[in-house]
Amino acid sequence: MWASRIQHNAPATGVIKYWLARLWLQLLGWNVTGELPLDSKFVLIGGPHTSNWDFVIGIPALYVLRIKAYWMGKDTLFKWPFGFFMRRLGGIPIDRSSAHGVVAQTAKQLKQADKLVILIPAKGTRGKTRYWKSGFYHIARLADVTVVCGYLDFSTKTARIGYSFRPSGNIPEDMEKVRAFFAPAHGKRPELEDNIRLKEEDA
């Protein structure tokens, strides 16, 4: 099923991007499905993140969903000659060595915006990790916006947008439902998948 009729109030991409992205994903054999909330702004988390192919498939999938999302990436991705291109795709460079204040600043932008979607690869890296980064959760809670979950399942070539929630403050309870949504998905390199868990759950 193609998600061309999904309705949402978030910033939308253009028709040309939609059709080019749809053609690209069809050529690769990918399917895009799911439902979006009617919110005008939200935090979108994606996973499992195991390969650069996530970018090649994920950005066109957003175009098919007609979502204009801004995503945060390490600042080295934005150096010449690719910096301009990355910014045009909605990239926001992040200096990981000085991450202090990123959560609060991003939450402030969401609060002040009329329409804004922030895409966060919650794992934070392609490599195997013990914990997901919890920034997405705290950003959404501070900004009082919804977290929307989406995955790329390379085993079935399915890009799916699905479960959404407002962070309650009960992190273990909220994350149990997040884990259930991502359970069917397998990345390009399954050996790099890990437990979907926040450090706060073991605090």
N, C-alpha and C. Protein backbone atom coordinates (compact mmCIF):
# COMPACT_ATOMS: atom_id res chain seq x y z
N MET A 1 0.83 -1.20 0.00
CA MET A 1 0.00 0.00 0.00
C MET A 1 0.87 1.24 0.00
N TRP A 2 0.52 2.20 -0.85
CA TRP A 2 1.24 3.47 -0.86
C TRP A 2 0.47 4.49 -0.04
N ALA A 3 1.23 5.34 0.65
CA ALA A 3 0.63 6.23 1.64
C ALA A 3 0.31 7.61 1.07
N SER A 4 -0.03 7.69 -0.22
CA SER A 4 -0.24 8.99 -0.85
C SER A 4 -1.45 9.74 -0.30
N ARG A 5 -2.38 9.01 0.33
CA ARG A 5 -3.58 9.67 0.82
C ARG A 5 -3.54 9.94 2.31
N ILE A 6 -2.42 9.71 2.93
CA ILE A 6 -2.31 10.00 4.36
C ILE A 6 -2.51 11.49 4.60
N GLN A 7 -3.35 11.83 5.56
CA GLN A 7 -3.63 13.22 5.89
C GLN A 7 -2.87 13.61 7.15
N HIS A 8 -2.31 14.78 7.14
CA HIS A 8 -1.65 15.32 8.32
C HIS A 8 -1.58 16.83 8.20
N ASN A 9 -1.30 17.50 9.29
CA ASN A 9 -1.25 18.96 9.31
C ASN A 9 0.17 19.49 9.40
N ALA A 10 1.15 18.59 9.31
CA ALA A 10 2.55 18.99 9.39
C ALA A 10 3.01 19.61 8.07
N PRO A 11 4.20 20.23 8.05
CA PRO A 11 4.72 20.80 6.79
C PRO A 11 4.80 19.72 5.72
N ALA A 12 4.36 20.03 4.51
CA ALA A 12 4.29 19.03 3.45
C ALA A 12 5.31 19.30 2.36
N THR A 13 5.83 18.24 1.76
CA THR A 13 6.74 18.37 0.62
C THR A 13 5.93 18.55 -0.65
N GLY A 14 6.63 18.90 -1.73
CA GLY A 14 5.96 19.17 -3.00
C GLY A 14 5.59 17.92 -3.77
N VAL A 15 4.78 18.13 -4.78
CA VAL A 15 4.27 17.04 -5.61
C VAL A 15 5.40 16.37 -6.40
N ILE A 16 6.34 17.17 -6.92
CA ILE A 16 7.44 16.62 -7.72
C ILE A 16 8.28 15.68 -6.87
N LYS A 17 8.62 16.09 -5.64
CA LYS A 17 9.40 15.24 -4.74
C LYS A 17 8.64 13.94 -4.45
N TYR A 18 7.32 14.07 -4.29
CA TYR A 18 6.51 12.88 -4.00
C TYR A 18 6.63 11.86 -5.13
N TRP A 19 6.43 12.30 -6.37
CA TRP A 19 6.44 11.35 -7.49
C TRP A 19 7.82 10.80 -7.79
N LEU A 20 8.86 11.63 -7.66
CA LEU A 20 10.22 11.13 -7.87
C LEU A 20 10.58 10.10 -6.80
N ALA A 21 10.22 10.39 -5.55
CA ALA A 21 10.50 9.46 -4.45
C ALA A 21 9.72 8.17 -4.62
N ARG A 22 8.48 8.29 -5.03
CA ARG A 22 7.66 7.09 -5.22
C ARG A 22 8.24 6.21 -6.33
N LEU A 23 8.68 6.83 -7.42
CA LEU A 23 9.29 6.07 -8.53
C LEU A 23 10.56 5.37 -8.06
N TRP A 24 11.40 6.10 -7.30
CA TRP A 24 12.66 5.55 -6.80
C TRP A 24 12.41 4.32 -5.92
N LEU A 25 11.47 4.44 -4.99
CA LEU A 25 11.21 3.34 -4.08
C LEU A 25 10.54 2.16 -4.79
N GLN A 26 9.71 2.43 -5.77
CA GLN A 26 9.12 1.35 -6.54
C GLN A 26 10.18 0.58 -7.31
N LEU A 27 11.15 1.31 -7.87
CA LEU A 27 12.24 0.65 -8.59
C LEU A 27 13.05 -0.26 -7.67
N LEU A 28 13.16 0.15 -6.41
CA LEU A 28 13.91 -0.65 -5.43
C LEU A 28 13.05 -1.71 -4.76
N GLY A 29 11.75 -1.69 -5.06
CA GLY A 29 10.85 -2.72 -4.50
C GLY A 29 10.33 -2.41 -3.12
N TRP A 30 10.36 -1.14 -2.71
CA TRP A 30 9.93 -0.78 -1.37
C TRP A 30 8.47 -0.35 -1.32
N ASN A 31 7.84 -0.61 -0.17
CA ASN A 31 6.44 -0.27 0.08
C ASN A 31 6.38 0.72 1.24
N VAL A 32 5.53 1.73 1.14
CA VAL A 32 5.37 2.73 2.20
C VAL A 32 3.95 2.67 2.73
N THR A 33 3.80 2.55 4.03
CA THR A 33 2.48 2.40 4.62
C THR A 33 2.42 3.01 6.01
N GLY A 34 1.20 3.11 6.55
CA GLY A 34 1.04 3.58 7.92
C GLY A 34 0.08 4.74 8.05
N GLU A 35 0.00 5.28 9.25
CA GLU A 35 -0.88 6.40 9.55
C GLU A 35 -0.13 7.45 10.36
N LEU A 36 -0.44 8.70 10.07
CA LEU A 36 0.16 9.83 10.78
C LEU A 36 -0.88 10.51 11.65
N PRO A 37 -0.46 11.09 12.78
CA PRO A 37 -1.41 11.88 13.56
C PRO A 37 -1.71 13.17 12.80
N LEU A 38 -2.77 13.85 13.20
CA LEU A 38 -3.13 15.11 12.55
C LEU A 38 -2.40 16.31 13.16
N ASP A 39 -1.44 16.04 14.02
CA ASP A 39 -0.67 17.10 14.65
C ASP A 39 0.08 17.92 13.60
N SER A 40 0.27 19.19 13.88
CA SER A 40 1.04 20.06 12.98
C SER A 40 2.53 20.03 13.30
N LYS A 41 2.88 19.49 14.46
CA LYS A 41 4.29 19.37 14.83
C LYS A 41 4.48 18.16 15.73
N PHE A 42 5.59 17.46 15.53
CA PHE A 42 5.86 16.28 16.32
C PHE A 42 7.32 15.87 16.16
N VAL A 43 7.76 14.96 17.02
CA VAL A 43 9.09 14.35 16.92
C VAL A 43 8.92 12.99 16.27
N LEU A 44 9.65 12.75 15.19
CA LEU A 44 9.58 11.48 14.47
C LEU A 44 10.86 10.70 14.72
N ILE A 45 10.73 9.50 15.28
CA ILE A 45 11.91 8.67 15.52
C ILE A 45 11.91 7.49 14.55
N GLY A 46 13.11 7.13 14.08
CA GLY A 46 13.23 6.05 13.12
C GLY A 46 14.22 5.00 13.57
N GLY A 47 14.05 3.81 13.06
CA GLY A 47 14.96 2.72 13.39
C GLY A 47 14.60 1.48 12.57
N PRO A 48 15.31 0.39 12.71
CA PRO A 48 16.64 0.33 13.34
C PRO A 48 17.70 0.94 12.42
N HIS A 49 18.65 1.65 12.97
CA HIS A 49 19.65 2.38 12.18
C HIS A 49 20.93 1.55 12.14
N THR A 50 21.19 0.88 11.01
CA THR A 50 22.37 0.01 10.91
C THR A 50 23.21 0.27 9.67
N SER A 51 22.77 1.18 8.78
CA SER A 51 23.45 1.35 7.50
C SER A 51 23.15 2.72 6.91
N ASN A 52 24.05 3.19 6.02
CA ASN A 52 23.79 4.43 5.29
C ASN A 52 22.61 4.29 4.34
N TRP A 53 22.21 3.06 4.05
CA TRP A 53 21.03 2.83 3.21
C TRP A 53 19.77 3.36 3.88
N ASP A 54 19.80 3.51 5.19
CA ASP A 54 18.64 4.07 5.90
C ASP A 54 18.32 5.47 5.37
N PHE A 55 19.36 6.23 5.06
CA PHE A 55 19.19 7.58 4.52
C PHE A 55 18.64 7.51 3.09
N VAL A 56 19.18 6.60 2.30
CA VAL A 56 18.79 6.47 0.89
C VAL A 56 17.32 6.07 0.75
N ILE A 57 16.84 5.26 1.69
CA ILE A 57 15.44 4.82 1.66
C ILE A 57 14.56 5.75 2.49
N GLY A 58 15.06 6.20 3.63
CA GLY A 58 14.25 6.95 4.58
C GLY A 58 13.79 8.31 4.08
N ILE A 59 14.69 9.08 3.46
CA ILE A 59 14.31 10.41 2.98
C ILE A 59 13.24 10.33 1.89
N PRO A 60 13.40 9.46 0.87
CA PRO A 60 12.31 9.31 -0.11
C PRO A 60 10.99 8.83 0.52
N ALA A 61 11.08 7.97 1.54
CA ALA A 61 9.86 7.52 2.21
C ALA A 61 9.12 8.69 2.84
N LEU A 62 9.86 9.64 3.40
CA LEU A 62 9.23 10.83 3.96
C LEU A 62 8.55 11.65 2.88
N TYR A 63 9.19 11.74 1.71
CA TYR A 63 8.57 12.47 0.59
C TYR A 63 7.27 11.81 0.16
N VAL A 64 7.26 10.47 0.14
CA VAL A 64 6.03 9.76 -0.22
C VAL A 64 4.93 10.03 0.81
N LEU A 65 5.33 10.14 2.06
CA LEU A 65 4.38 10.45 3.13
C LEU A 65 4.00 11.93 3.16
N ARG A 66 4.63 12.70 2.26
CA ARG A 66 4.40 14.14 2.15
C ARG A 66 4.75 14.88 3.44
N ILE A 67 5.86 14.45 4.08
CA ILE A 67 6.33 15.10 5.30
C ILE A 67 7.62 15.86 5.00
N LYS A 68 7.65 17.13 5.33
CA LYS A 68 8.88 17.90 5.29
C LYS A 68 9.48 17.85 6.70
N ALA A 69 10.50 17.03 6.88
CA ALA A 69 11.09 16.83 8.20
C ALA A 69 12.49 17.41 8.25
N TYR A 70 12.84 17.93 9.41
CA TYR A 70 14.20 18.40 9.65
C TYR A 70 14.88 17.35 10.54
N TRP A 71 16.08 16.95 10.14
CA TRP A 71 16.76 15.88 10.86
C TRP A 71 18.11 16.36 11.35
N MET A 72 18.54 15.80 12.46
CA MET A 72 19.80 16.18 13.07
C MET A 72 20.86 15.13 12.76
N GLY A 73 22.00 15.58 12.31
CA GLY A 73 23.11 14.69 11.99
C GLY A 73 24.43 15.24 12.47
N LYS A 74 25.44 14.38 12.59
CA LYS A 74 26.74 14.84 13.06
C LYS A 74 27.30 15.88 12.10
N ASP A 75 27.97 16.89 12.66
CA ASP A 75 28.40 18.04 11.87
C ASP A 75 29.35 17.70 10.73
N THR A 76 30.05 16.56 10.82
CA THR A 76 30.99 16.19 9.76
C THR A 76 30.28 15.89 8.45
N LEU A 77 28.98 15.55 8.52
CA LEU A 77 28.22 15.29 7.30
C LEU A 77 27.96 16.55 6.49
N PHE A 78 28.13 17.71 7.12
CA PHE A 78 27.75 18.97 6.49
C PHE A 78 28.95 19.76 5.97
N LYS A 79 30.10 19.12 5.91
CA LYS A 79 31.28 19.78 5.37
C LYS A 79 31.27 19.71 3.85
N TRP A 80 32.03 20.58 3.22
CA TRP A 80 32.13 20.61 1.76
C TRP A 80 32.61 19.25 1.25
N PRO A 81 32.08 18.72 0.15
CA PRO A 81 31.18 19.38 -0.80
C PRO A 81 29.70 19.03 -0.60
N PHE A 82 29.37 18.30 0.48
CA PHE A 82 28.00 17.80 0.62
C PHE A 82 27.12 18.65 1.53
N GLY A 83 27.72 19.65 2.21
CA GLY A 83 26.98 20.42 3.20
C GLY A 83 25.71 21.07 2.67
N PHE A 84 25.82 21.74 1.51
CA PHE A 84 24.66 22.42 0.94
C PHE A 84 23.54 21.42 0.64
N PHE A 85 23.92 20.29 0.05
CA PHE A 85 22.94 19.26 -0.31
C PHE A 85 22.25 18.72 0.93
N MET A 86 23.03 18.47 2.01
CA MET A 86 22.45 17.93 3.24
C MET A 86 21.46 18.92 3.85
N ARG A 87 21.79 20.20 3.83
CA ARG A 87 20.88 21.21 4.38
C ARG A 87 19.61 21.32 3.56
N ARG A 88 19.75 21.18 2.24
CA ARG A 88 18.57 21.23 1.38
C ARG A 88 17.62 20.07 1.66
N LEU A 89 18.18 18.96 2.15
CA LEU A 89 17.37 17.80 2.50
C LEU A 89 16.77 17.90 3.91
N GLY A 90 17.02 19.03 4.58
CA GLY A 90 16.45 19.24 5.90
C GLY A 90 17.40 18.96 7.05
N GLY A 91 18.68 18.79 6.75
CA GLY A 91 19.65 18.46 7.79
C GLY A 91 20.00 19.62 8.69
N ILE A 92 20.19 19.34 9.97
CA ILE A 92 20.64 20.31 10.97
C ILE A 92 21.90 19.74 11.60
N PRO A 93 23.08 20.40 11.40
CA PRO A 93 24.33 19.86 11.96
C PRO A 93 24.37 19.95 13.48
N ILE A 94 24.83 18.87 14.11
CA ILE A 94 24.95 18.81 15.56
C ILE A 94 26.40 18.48 15.93
N ASP A 95 26.97 19.29 16.81
CA ASP A 95 28.31 19.02 17.32
C ASP A 95 28.17 18.13 18.55
N ARG A 96 28.50 16.84 18.39
CA ARG A 96 28.30 15.89 19.48
C ARG A 96 29.20 16.16 20.68
N SER A 97 30.31 16.89 20.44
CA SER A 97 31.22 17.17 21.55
C SER A 97 30.68 18.26 22.46
N SER A 98 29.65 18.98 22.02
CA SER A 98 29.06 20.03 22.85
C SER A 98 27.53 19.92 22.78
N ALA A 99 27.04 18.75 23.19
CA ALA A 99 25.60 18.47 23.05
C ALA A 99 24.75 19.17 24.09
N HIS A 100 25.39 19.78 25.09
CA HIS A 100 24.64 20.43 26.16
C HIS A 100 23.70 21.49 25.59
N GLY A 101 22.46 21.44 25.95
CA GLY A 101 21.51 22.44 25.52
C GLY A 101 20.75 22.09 24.25
N VAL A 102 21.16 21.03 23.53
CA VAL A 102 20.50 20.67 22.28
C VAL A 102 19.03 20.30 22.53
N VAL A 103 18.77 19.55 23.58
CA VAL A 103 17.39 19.13 23.90
C VAL A 103 16.53 20.35 24.16
N ALA A 104 17.00 21.25 25.03
CA ALA A 104 16.21 22.43 25.38
C ALA A 104 16.01 23.34 24.17
N GLN A 105 17.04 23.52 23.35
CA GLN A 105 16.92 24.39 22.18
C GLN A 105 15.94 23.81 21.16
N THR A 106 16.00 22.51 20.95
CA THR A 106 15.10 21.87 20.00
C THR A 106 13.66 21.93 20.49
N ALA A 107 13.47 21.70 21.78
CA ALA A 107 12.12 21.79 22.36
C ALA A 107 11.57 23.20 22.22
N LYS A 108 12.42 24.19 22.40
CA LYS A 108 11.99 25.59 22.27
C LYS A 108 11.54 25.88 20.84
N GLN A 109 12.30 25.36 19.85
CA GLN A 109 11.91 25.55 18.45
C GLN A 109 10.56 24.92 18.16
N LEU A 110 10.33 23.73 18.70
CA LEU A 110 9.05 23.06 18.50
C LEU A 110 7.90 23.85 19.13
N LYS A 111 8.14 24.38 20.32
CA LYS A 111 7.10 25.14 21.01
C LYS A 111 6.71 26.38 20.22
N GLN A 112 7.71 27.04 19.64
CA GLN A 112 7.47 28.31 18.97
C GLN A 112 6.93 28.15 17.55
N ALA A 113 7.14 26.98 16.95
CA ALA A 113 6.74 26.77 15.56
C ALA A 113 5.25 26.47 15.45
N ASP A 114 4.67 26.87 14.32
CA ASP A 114 3.30 26.49 14.02
C ASP A 114 3.26 25.10 13.41
N LYS A 115 4.25 24.81 12.54
CA LYS A 115 4.37 23.51 11.91
C LYS A 115 5.84 23.10 11.88
N LEU A 116 6.15 21.96 12.44
CA LEU A 116 7.54 21.50 12.46
C LEU A 116 7.60 20.01 12.78
N VAL A 117 8.41 19.28 12.01
CA VAL A 117 8.67 17.87 12.28
C VAL A 117 10.17 17.69 12.43
N ILE A 118 10.59 17.16 13.57
CA ILE A 118 12.00 16.88 13.82
C ILE A 118 12.20 15.37 13.76
N LEU A 119 13.03 14.91 12.83
CA LEU A 119 13.34 13.49 12.68
C LEU A 119 14.61 13.17 13.47
N ILE A 120 14.52 12.17 14.33
CA ILE A 120 15.65 11.79 15.17
C ILE A 120 15.90 10.29 15.06
N PRO A 121 17.07 9.87 14.53
CA PRO A 121 17.42 8.45 14.61
C PRO A 121 17.83 8.15 16.05
N ALA A 122 16.91 7.60 16.83
CA ALA A 122 17.07 7.52 18.28
C ALA A 122 18.29 6.71 18.70
N LYS A 123 18.70 5.79 17.87
CA LYS A 123 19.88 4.99 18.21
C LYS A 123 21.14 5.85 18.23
N GLY A 124 21.19 6.85 17.33
CA GLY A 124 22.29 7.80 17.33
C GLY A 124 23.52 7.38 16.57
N THR A 125 23.61 6.13 16.15
CA THR A 125 24.78 5.63 15.45
C THR A 125 24.39 4.39 14.66
N ARG A 126 25.18 4.05 13.64
CA ARG A 126 24.92 2.82 12.89
C ARG A 126 25.44 1.59 13.63
N GLY A 127 26.41 1.80 14.53
CA GLY A 127 27.02 0.69 15.24
C GLY A 127 26.13 0.15 16.35
N LYS A 128 26.55 -0.95 16.93
CA LYS A 128 25.79 -1.59 18.00
C LYS A 128 25.97 -0.80 19.30
N THR A 129 24.89 -0.53 19.99
CA THR A 129 24.94 0.22 21.24
C THR A 129 24.11 -0.49 22.30
N ARG A 130 24.35 -0.13 23.55
CA ARG A 130 23.57 -0.71 24.64
C ARG A 130 22.24 0.01 24.82
N TYR A 131 22.24 1.33 24.58
CA TYR A 131 21.05 2.13 24.79
C TYR A 131 20.77 3.05 23.60
N TRP A 132 19.50 3.31 23.37
CA TRP A 132 19.10 4.41 22.50
C TRP A 132 19.35 5.72 23.23
N LYS A 133 19.54 6.80 22.48
CA LYS A 133 19.65 8.12 23.08
C LYS A 133 18.25 8.62 23.41
N SER A 134 18.11 9.19 24.60
CA SER A 134 16.77 9.55 25.10
C SER A 134 16.36 10.97 24.75
N GLY A 135 17.18 11.68 23.96
CA GLY A 135 16.87 13.07 23.64
C GLY A 135 15.49 13.25 23.04
N PHE A 136 15.08 12.32 22.16
CA PHE A 136 13.77 12.44 21.51
C PHE A 136 12.65 12.50 22.53
N TYR A 137 12.77 11.69 23.58
CA TYR A 137 11.73 11.60 24.61
C TYR A 137 11.62 12.91 25.37
N HIS A 138 12.78 13.45 25.78
CA HIS A 138 12.79 14.67 26.58
C HIS A 138 12.41 15.89 25.75
N ILE A 139 12.80 15.90 24.49
CA ILE A 139 12.40 17.00 23.60
C ILE A 139 10.88 17.05 23.49
N ALA A 140 10.28 15.89 23.21
CA ALA A 140 8.82 15.82 23.05
C ALA A 140 8.10 16.20 24.33
N ARG A 141 8.63 15.77 25.46
CA ARG A 141 7.96 16.07 26.73
C ARG A 141 8.06 17.56 27.06
N LEU A 142 9.24 18.14 26.86
CA LEU A 142 9.41 19.57 27.13
C LEU A 142 8.54 20.43 26.22
N ALA A 143 8.43 20.00 24.95
CA ALA A 143 7.66 20.77 23.97
C ALA A 143 6.18 20.42 23.99
N ASP A 144 5.82 19.37 24.75
CA ASP A 144 4.44 18.89 24.82
C ASP A 144 3.91 18.54 23.44
N VAL A 145 4.69 17.71 22.72
CA VAL A 145 4.27 17.25 21.40
C VAL A 145 4.30 15.73 21.35
N THR A 146 3.76 15.19 20.29
CA THR A 146 3.68 13.75 20.09
C THR A 146 4.99 13.18 19.57
N VAL A 147 5.31 11.96 19.98
CA VAL A 147 6.39 11.18 19.37
C VAL A 147 5.75 10.22 18.38
N VAL A 148 6.21 10.23 17.14
CA VAL A 148 5.71 9.33 16.11
C VAL A 148 6.83 8.34 15.75
N CYS A 149 6.50 7.07 15.68
CA CYS A 149 7.49 6.03 15.41
C CYS A 149 7.41 5.55 13.95
N GLY A 150 8.56 5.39 13.33
CA GLY A 150 8.62 4.86 11.98
C GLY A 150 9.79 3.93 11.81
N TYR A 151 9.63 2.88 11.01
CA TYR A 151 10.76 1.98 10.81
C TYR A 151 10.96 1.63 9.35
N LEU A 152 12.19 1.19 9.05
CA LEU A 152 12.54 0.63 7.75
C LEU A 152 12.85 -0.84 7.98
N ASP A 153 12.02 -1.71 7.44
CA ASP A 153 12.23 -3.15 7.59
C ASP A 153 12.81 -3.69 6.28
N PHE A 154 14.12 -3.94 6.28
CA PHE A 154 14.79 -4.41 5.07
C PHE A 154 14.43 -5.85 4.74
N SER A 155 13.91 -6.60 5.71
CA SER A 155 13.55 -7.99 5.43
C SER A 155 12.30 -8.09 4.55
N THR A 156 11.43 -7.09 4.62
CA THR A 156 10.23 -7.09 3.79
C THR A 156 10.18 -5.87 2.86
N LYS A 157 11.21 -5.03 2.93
CA LYS A 157 11.25 -3.78 2.16
C LYS A 157 10.00 -2.93 2.41
N THR A 158 9.75 -2.70 3.70
CA THR A 158 8.60 -1.91 4.11
C THR A 158 9.03 -0.72 4.95
N ALA A 159 8.59 0.46 4.55
CA ALA A 159 8.76 1.66 5.37
C ALA A 159 7.41 1.95 6.01
N ARG A 160 7.38 1.97 7.34
CA ARG A 160 6.09 2.10 8.02
C ARG A 160 6.12 3.19 9.07
N ILE A 161 5.09 4.03 9.04
CA ILE A 161 4.82 5.00 10.09
C ILE A 161 3.66 4.47 10.88
N GLY A 162 3.77 4.47 12.20
CA GLY A 162 2.69 3.86 12.96
C GLY A 162 2.46 4.45 14.32
N TYR A 163 2.91 3.76 15.36
CA TYR A 163 2.58 4.11 16.74
C TYR A 163 3.01 5.53 17.10
N SER A 164 2.12 6.27 17.75
CA SER A 164 2.44 7.61 18.24
C SER A 164 1.94 7.77 19.67
N PHE A 165 2.62 8.60 20.45
CA PHE A 165 2.25 8.77 21.85
C PHE A 165 2.77 10.10 22.38
N ARG A 166 2.15 10.58 23.44
CA ARG A 166 2.64 11.72 24.20
C ARG A 166 3.41 11.17 25.40
N PRO A 167 4.69 11.54 25.56
CA PRO A 167 5.45 11.03 26.70
C PRO A 167 4.74 11.32 28.02
N SER A 168 4.57 10.28 28.83
CA SER A 168 3.83 10.41 30.08
C SER A 168 4.73 10.72 31.27
N GLY A 169 6.04 10.51 31.08
CA GLY A 169 6.97 10.61 32.20
C GLY A 169 7.29 9.25 32.78
N ASN A 170 6.44 8.27 32.51
CA ASN A 170 6.71 6.89 32.91
C ASN A 170 7.48 6.22 31.76
N ILE A 171 8.79 6.37 31.78
CA ILE A 171 9.60 5.94 30.65
C ILE A 171 9.51 4.44 30.38
N PRO A 172 9.63 3.56 31.37
CA PRO A 172 9.54 2.12 31.09
C PRO A 172 8.21 1.74 30.43
N GLU A 173 7.13 2.31 30.91
CA GLU A 173 5.81 1.98 30.35
C GLU A 173 5.70 2.47 28.91
N ASP A 174 6.15 3.70 28.66
CA ASP A 174 6.10 4.24 27.30
C ASP A 174 6.97 3.44 26.36
N MET A 175 8.16 3.06 26.82
CA MET A 175 9.11 2.36 25.95
C MET A 175 8.68 0.94 25.65
N GLU A 176 7.90 0.31 26.51
CA GLU A 176 7.40 -1.03 26.21
C GLU A 176 6.57 -1.01 24.93
N LYS A 177 5.77 0.03 24.75
CA LYS A 177 4.94 0.15 23.56
C LYS A 177 5.78 0.50 22.34
N VAL A 178 6.83 1.27 22.54
CA VAL A 178 7.74 1.60 21.44
C VAL A 178 8.44 0.32 20.96
N ARG A 179 8.91 -0.49 21.91
CA ARG A 179 9.58 -1.75 21.56
C ARG A 179 8.64 -2.67 20.78
N ALA A 180 7.39 -2.70 21.18
CA ALA A 180 6.42 -3.57 20.50
C ALA A 180 6.24 -3.13 19.05
N PHE A 181 6.24 -1.83 18.80
CA PHE A 181 6.08 -1.34 17.43
C PHE A 181 7.28 -1.72 16.56
N PHE A 182 8.49 -1.54 17.08
CA PHE A 182 9.69 -1.79 16.30
C PHE A 182 10.07 -3.28 16.20
N ALA A 183 9.43 -4.12 16.98
CA ALA A 183 9.81 -5.54 17.04
C ALA A 183 9.87 -6.23 15.68
N PRO A 184 8.95 -5.98 14.73
CA PRO A 184 9.01 -6.71 13.46
C PRO A 184 10.11 -6.24 12.52
N ALA A 185 10.71 -5.09 12.78
CA ALA A 185 11.62 -4.46 11.81
C ALA A 185 13.05 -4.98 11.94
N HIS A 186 13.70 -5.18 10.79
CA HIS A 186 15.09 -5.60 10.74
C HIS A 186 15.87 -4.68 9.80
N GLY A 187 17.03 -4.22 10.27
CA GLY A 187 17.83 -3.29 9.49
C GLY A 187 18.60 -3.97 8.36
N LYS A 188 19.29 -3.16 7.60
CA LYS A 188 20.11 -3.66 6.50
C LYS A 188 21.17 -4.61 7.02
N ARG A 189 21.71 -4.32 8.21
CA ARG A 189 22.71 -5.18 8.84
C ARG A 189 22.17 -5.63 10.20
N PRO A 190 21.42 -6.73 10.24
CA PRO A 190 20.78 -7.18 11.48
C PRO A 190 21.75 -7.40 12.63
N GLU A 191 23.00 -7.72 12.31
CA GLU A 191 23.97 -7.97 13.38
C GLU A 191 24.28 -6.71 14.19
N LEU A 192 23.91 -5.55 13.67
CA LEU A 192 24.14 -4.29 14.37
C LEU A 192 22.90 -3.80 15.12
N GLU A 193 21.84 -4.57 15.09
CA GLU A 193 20.65 -4.21 15.85
C GLU A 193 20.91 -4.44 17.34
N ASP A 194 20.19 -3.71 18.17
CA ASP A 194 20.38 -3.88 19.60
C ASP A 194 19.05 -3.67 20.32
N ASN A 195 19.09 -3.79 21.64
CA ASN A 195 17.87 -3.61 22.41
C ASN A 195 17.39 -2.17 22.35
N ILE A 196 16.11 -2.00 22.19
CA ILE A 196 15.52 -0.66 22.19
C ILE A 196 15.24 -0.29 23.64
N ARG A 197 16.18 0.41 24.22
CA ARG A 197 16.11 0.69 25.65
C ARG A 197 16.81 2.01 25.94
N LEU A 198 16.24 2.79 26.86
CA LEU A 198 16.85 4.05 27.29
C LEU A 198 17.61 3.82 28.59
N LYS A 199 18.68 4.58 28.77
CA LYS A 199 19.50 4.43 29.98
C LYS A 199 18.68 4.71 31.23
N GLU A 200 17.71 5.63 31.11
CA GLU A 200 16.87 5.98 32.27
C GLU A 200 16.07 4.80 32.79
N GLU A 201 15.82 3.81 31.94
CA GLU A 201 15.06 2.65 32.39
C GLU A 201 15.85 1.80 33.39
N ASP A 202 17.16 1.91 33.37
CA ASP A 202 18.00 1.12 34.28
C ASP A 202 18.57 1.97 35.41
N ALA A 203 18.14 3.24 35.46
CA ALA A 203 18.69 4.14 36.49
C ALA A 203 18.15 3.73 37.86
